[in-house]
């Protein structure tokens, strides 16, 4: 709702986003799905300010992707797929606003990772133009 005015609150919002991405909130993962949507909207509206936040956001998104992949809890597969899709979309948006930096940074991760679902997310980002 704030549009570009969200830039005024980026420091606080970034802390909130990172906090929610770190914590599994039960089988339906409503909070993490909501915060991924919030992050997507934030990137879309405040894209000129995102390249300087790229290292922190990239690390948090990759950690969340790994956590979802390794989760042996009661989270249903459709919810896991939605989380991975949301994180992938955020990575694609970050790549767009950082002029391809995300693709470059993910090359090393892709070559060293053997987990198929994680590699699939990275592949989608690398193939997206």
C-alpha atoms as a PDB file:
ATOM      1  CA  UNK A   1       0.000   0.000   0.000  1.00  0.00           C
ATOM      2  CA  UNK A   2       2.873   2.400   0.630  1.00  0.00           C
ATOM      3  CA  UNK A   3       4.397   2.041  -2.831  1.00  0.00           C
ATOM      4  CA  UNK A   4       7.708   3.840  -3.177  1.00  0.00           C
ATOM      5  CA  UNK A   5       7.231   5.376   0.287  1.00  0.00           C
ATOM      6  CA  UNK A   6       8.254   1.976   1.678  1.00  0.00           C
ATOM      7  CA  UNK A   7      11.837   3.173   1.250  1.00  0.00           C
ATOM      8  CA  UNK A   8      11.435   5.170   4.456  1.00  0.00           C
ATOM      9  CA  UNK A   9      10.953   1.954   6.398  1.00  0.00           C
ATOM     10  CA  UNK A  10      13.371  -0.407   4.652  1.00  0.00           C
ATOM     11  CA  UNK A  11      15.732  -0.907   7.605  1.00  0.00           C
ATOM     12  CA  UNK A  12      12.967  -1.980   9.965  1.00  0.00           C
ATOM     13  CA  UNK A  13      11.113  -3.929   7.300  1.00  0.00           C
ATOM     14  CA  UNK A  14      14.290  -5.798   6.378  1.00  0.00           C
ATOM     15  CA  UNK A  15      14.720  -6.939   9.989  1.00  0.00           C
ATOM     16  CA  UNK A  16      11.099  -8.127  10.101  1.00  0.00           C
ATOM     17  CA  UNK A  17      11.422  -9.972   6.785  1.00  0.00           C
ATOM     18  CA  UNK A  18      14.634 -11.694   7.871  1.00  0.00           C
ATOM     19  CA  UNK A  19      13.068 -12.718  11.169  1.00  0.00           C
ATOM     20  CA  UNK A  20      10.039 -14.289   9.518  1.00  0.00           C
ATOM     21  CA  UNK A  21      12.096 -16.085   6.866  1.00  0.00           C
ATOM     22  CA  UNK A  22      14.160 -17.792   9.577  1.00  0.00           C
ATOM     23  CA  UNK A  23      11.310 -19.318  11.560  1.00  0.00           C
ATOM     24  CA  UNK A  24       9.039 -22.175  10.531  1.00  0.00           C
ATOM     25  CA  UNK A  25       5.530 -21.337  11.683  1.00  0.00           C
ATOM     26  CA  UNK A  26       3.755 -24.646  11.463  1.00  0.00           C
ATOM     27  CA  UNK A  27       2.390 -26.896   8.786  1.00  0.00           C
ATOM     28  CA  UNK A  28       0.591 -24.202   6.788  1.00  0.00           C
ATOM     29  CA  UNK A  29       3.532 -21.719   6.862  1.00  0.00           C
ATOM     30  CA  UNK A  30       1.146 -18.775   6.540  1.00  0.00           C
ATOM     31  CA  UNK A  31       3.579 -16.250   8.006  1.00  0.00           C
ATOM     32  CA  UNK A  32       6.468 -17.218   5.723  1.00  0.00           C
ATOM     33  CA  UNK A  33       4.221 -17.259   2.658  1.00  0.00           C
ATOM     34  CA  UNK A  34       2.935 -13.820   3.624  1.00  0.00           C
ATOM     35  CA  UNK A  35       6.387 -12.405   4.214  1.00  0.00           C
ATOM     36  CA  UNK A  36       7.584 -13.715   0.831  1.00  0.00           C
ATOM     37  CA  UNK A  37       4.688 -11.832  -0.767  1.00  0.00           C
ATOM     38  CA  UNK A  38       5.653  -8.737   1.227  1.00  0.00           C
ATOM     39  CA  UNK A  39       9.258  -9.086   0.088  1.00  0.00           C
ATOM     40  CA  UNK A  40       8.166  -9.382  -3.545  1.00  0.00           C
ATOM     41  CA  UNK A  41       6.096  -6.197  -3.293  1.00  0.00           C
ATOM     42  CA  UNK A  42       8.923  -4.410  -1.515  1.00  0.00           C
ATOM     43  CA  UNK A  43      11.429  -5.370  -4.211  1.00  0.00           C
ATOM     44  CA  UNK A  44       9.020  -4.252  -6.941  1.00  0.00           C
ATOM     45  CA  UNK A  45       8.412  -0.841  -5.361  1.00  0.00           C
ATOM     46  CA  UNK A  46      11.834  -0.090  -3.887  1.00  0.00           C
ATOM     47  CA  UNK A  47      13.971  -1.748  -6.569  1.00  0.00           C
ATOM     48  CA  UNK A  48      16.586   1.044  -6.725  1.00  0.00           C
ATOM     49  CA  UNK A  49      17.463   0.360  -3.062  1.00  0.00           C
ATOM     50  CA  UNK A  50      17.673  -3.428  -3.349  1.00  0.00           C
ATOM     51  CA  UNK A  51      21.207  -3.942  -4.756  1.00  0.00           C
ATOM     52  CA  UNK A  52      22.779  -2.734  -1.492  1.00  0.00           C
ATOM     53  CA  UNK A  53      20.588  -5.201   0.436  1.00  0.00           C
ATOM     54  CA  UNK A  54      21.342  -8.053  -1.920  1.00  0.00           C
ATOM     55  CA  UNK A  55      23.891  -9.953   0.225  1.00  0.00           C
ATOM     56  CA  UNK A  56      21.617 -10.087   3.265  1.00  0.00           C
ATOM     57  CA  UNK A  57      18.447 -10.961   1.345  1.00  0.00           C
ATOM     58  CA  UNK A  58      20.176 -13.539  -0.850  1.00  0.00           C
ATOM     59  CA  UNK A  59      21.633 -15.301   2.178  1.00  0.00           C
ATOM     60  CA  UNK A  60      18.258 -15.330   3.978  1.00  0.00           C
ATOM     61  CA  UNK A  61      16.383 -16.649   0.936  1.00  0.00           C
ATOM     62  CA  UNK A  62      18.944 -19.401   0.285  1.00  0.00           C
ATOM     63  CA  UNK A  63      18.864 -20.409   3.940  1.00  0.00           C
ATOM     64  CA  UNK A  64      15.070 -20.558   3.840  1.00  0.00           C
ATOM     65  CA  UNK A  65      15.155 -22.659   0.650  1.00  0.00           C
ATOM     66  CA  UNK A  66      17.554 -25.066   2.339  1.00  0.00           C
ATOM     67  CA  UNK A  67      15.445 -25.187   5.515  1.00  0.00           C
ATOM     68  CA  UNK A  68      12.295 -25.957   3.505  1.00  0.00           C
ATOM     69  CA  UNK A  69      14.133 -28.655   1.561  1.00  0.00           C
ATOM     70  CA  UNK A  70      15.486 -30.343   4.701  1.00  0.00           C
ATOM     71  CA  UNK A  71      12.262 -29.972   6.726  1.00  0.00           C
ATOM     72  CA  UNK A  72      11.124 -33.401   7.877  1.00  0.00           C
ATOM     73  CA  UNK A  73       8.200 -31.986   9.852  1.00  0.00           C
ATOM     74  CA  UNK A  74       4.509 -31.920   9.144  1.00  0.00           C
ATOM     75  CA  UNK A  75       4.634 -29.347   6.336  1.00  0.00           C
ATOM     76  CA  UNK A  76       2.689 -30.698   3.335  1.00  0.00           C
ATOM     77  CA  UNK A  77       4.407 -30.857  -0.046  1.00  0.00           C
ATOM     78  CA  UNK A  78       2.135 -28.223  -1.689  1.00  0.00           C
ATOM     79  CA  UNK A  79       3.087 -25.736   1.045  1.00  0.00           C
ATOM     80  CA  UNK A  80       6.784 -26.524   0.584  1.00  0.00           C
ATOM     81  CA  UNK A  81       6.372 -26.033  -3.165  1.00  0.00           C
ATOM     82  CA  UNK A  82       4.666 -22.664  -2.583  1.00  0.00           C
ATOM     83  CA  UNK A  83       7.506 -21.542  -0.303  1.00  0.00           C
ATOM     84  CA  UNK A  84      10.141 -22.578  -2.830  1.00  0.00           C
ATOM     85  CA  UNK A  85       8.211 -20.846  -5.633  1.00  0.00           C
ATOM     86  CA  UNK A  86       7.883 -17.638  -3.596  1.00  0.00           C
ATOM     87  CA  UNK A  87      11.579 -17.622  -2.746  1.00  0.00           C
ATOM     88  CA  UNK A  88      12.469 -18.259  -6.393  1.00  0.00           C
ATOM     89  CA  UNK A  89      10.306 -15.346  -7.506  1.00  0.00           C
ATOM     90  CA  UNK A  90      12.022 -13.090  -4.962  1.00  0.00           C
ATOM     91  CA  UNK A  91      15.420 -14.181  -6.268  1.00  0.00           C
ATOM     92  CA  UNK A  92      14.339 -13.448  -9.846  1.00  0.00           C
ATOM     93  CA  UNK A  93      13.170  -9.962  -8.842  1.00  0.00           C
ATOM     94  CA  UNK A  94      16.426  -9.346  -6.971  1.00  0.00           C
ATOM     95  CA  UNK A  95      18.366 -10.454 -10.032  1.00  0.00           C
ATOM     96  CA  UNK A  96      16.460  -8.003 -12.232  1.00  0.00           C
ATOM     97  CA  UNK A  97      17.062  -5.022  -9.985  1.00  0.00           C
ATOM     98  CA  UNK A  98      20.732  -5.908  -9.430  1.00  0.00           C
ATOM     99  CA  UNK A  99      21.454  -6.271 -13.159  1.00  0.00           C
ATOM    100  CA  UNK A 100      22.269  -9.985 -13.030  1.00  0.00           C
ATOM    101  CA  UNK A 101      24.364 -10.108  -9.848  1.00  0.00           C
ATOM    102  CA  UNK A 102      22.199 -12.848  -8.349  1.00  0.00           C
ATOM    103  CA  UNK A 103      22.849 -15.168 -11.296  1.00  0.00           C
ATOM    104  CA  UNK A 104      26.585 -14.644 -10.928  1.00  0.00           C
ATOM    105  CA  UNK A 105      26.494 -15.311  -7.181  1.00  0.00           C
ATOM    106  CA  UNK A 106      24.344 -18.426  -7.602  1.00  0.00           C
ATOM    107  CA  UNK A 107      26.698 -20.082 -10.107  1.00  0.00           C
ATOM    108  CA  UNK A 108      28.954 -21.391  -7.363  1.00  0.00           C
ATOM    109  CA  UNK A 109      26.033 -22.572  -5.262  1.00  0.00           C
ATOM    110  CA  UNK A 110      24.503 -24.439  -8.194  1.00  0.00           C
ATOM    111  CA  UNK A 111      27.721 -26.264  -9.056  1.00  0.00           C
ATOM    112  CA  UNK A 112      28.368 -27.333  -5.458  1.00  0.00           C
ATOM    113  CA  UNK A 113      24.799 -28.302  -4.493  1.00  0.00           C
ATOM    114  CA  UNK A 114      23.547 -31.825  -5.059  1.00  0.00           C
ATOM    115  CA  UNK A 115      19.988 -31.435  -3.766  1.00  0.00           C
ATOM    116  CA  UNK A 116      17.498 -31.467  -6.640  1.00  0.00           C
ATOM    117  CA  UNK A 117      14.856 -29.105  -5.230  1.00  0.00           C
ATOM    118  CA  UNK A 118      17.467 -26.498  -4.305  1.00  0.00           C
ATOM    119  CA  UNK A 119      19.148 -26.845  -7.713  1.00  0.00           C
ATOM    120  CA  UNK A 120      15.749 -26.478  -9.386  1.00  0.00           C
ATOM    121  CA  UNK A 121      15.144 -23.124  -7.688  1.00  0.00           C
ATOM    122  CA  UNK A 122      18.594 -21.880  -8.680  1.00  0.00           C
ATOM    123  CA  UNK A 123      18.143 -23.150 -12.237  1.00  0.00           C
ATOM    124  CA  UNK A 124      14.887 -21.218 -12.582  1.00  0.00           C
ATOM    125  CA  UNK A 125      16.635 -18.028 -11.509  1.00  0.00           C
ATOM    126  CA  UNK A 126      19.545 -18.601 -13.864  1.00  0.00           C
ATOM    127  CA  UNK A 127      17.295 -19.348 -16.836  1.00  0.00           C
ATOM    128  CA  UNK A 128      14.959 -16.413 -16.249  1.00  0.00           C
ATOM    129  CA  UNK A 129      15.733 -13.387 -18.394  1.00  0.00           C
END
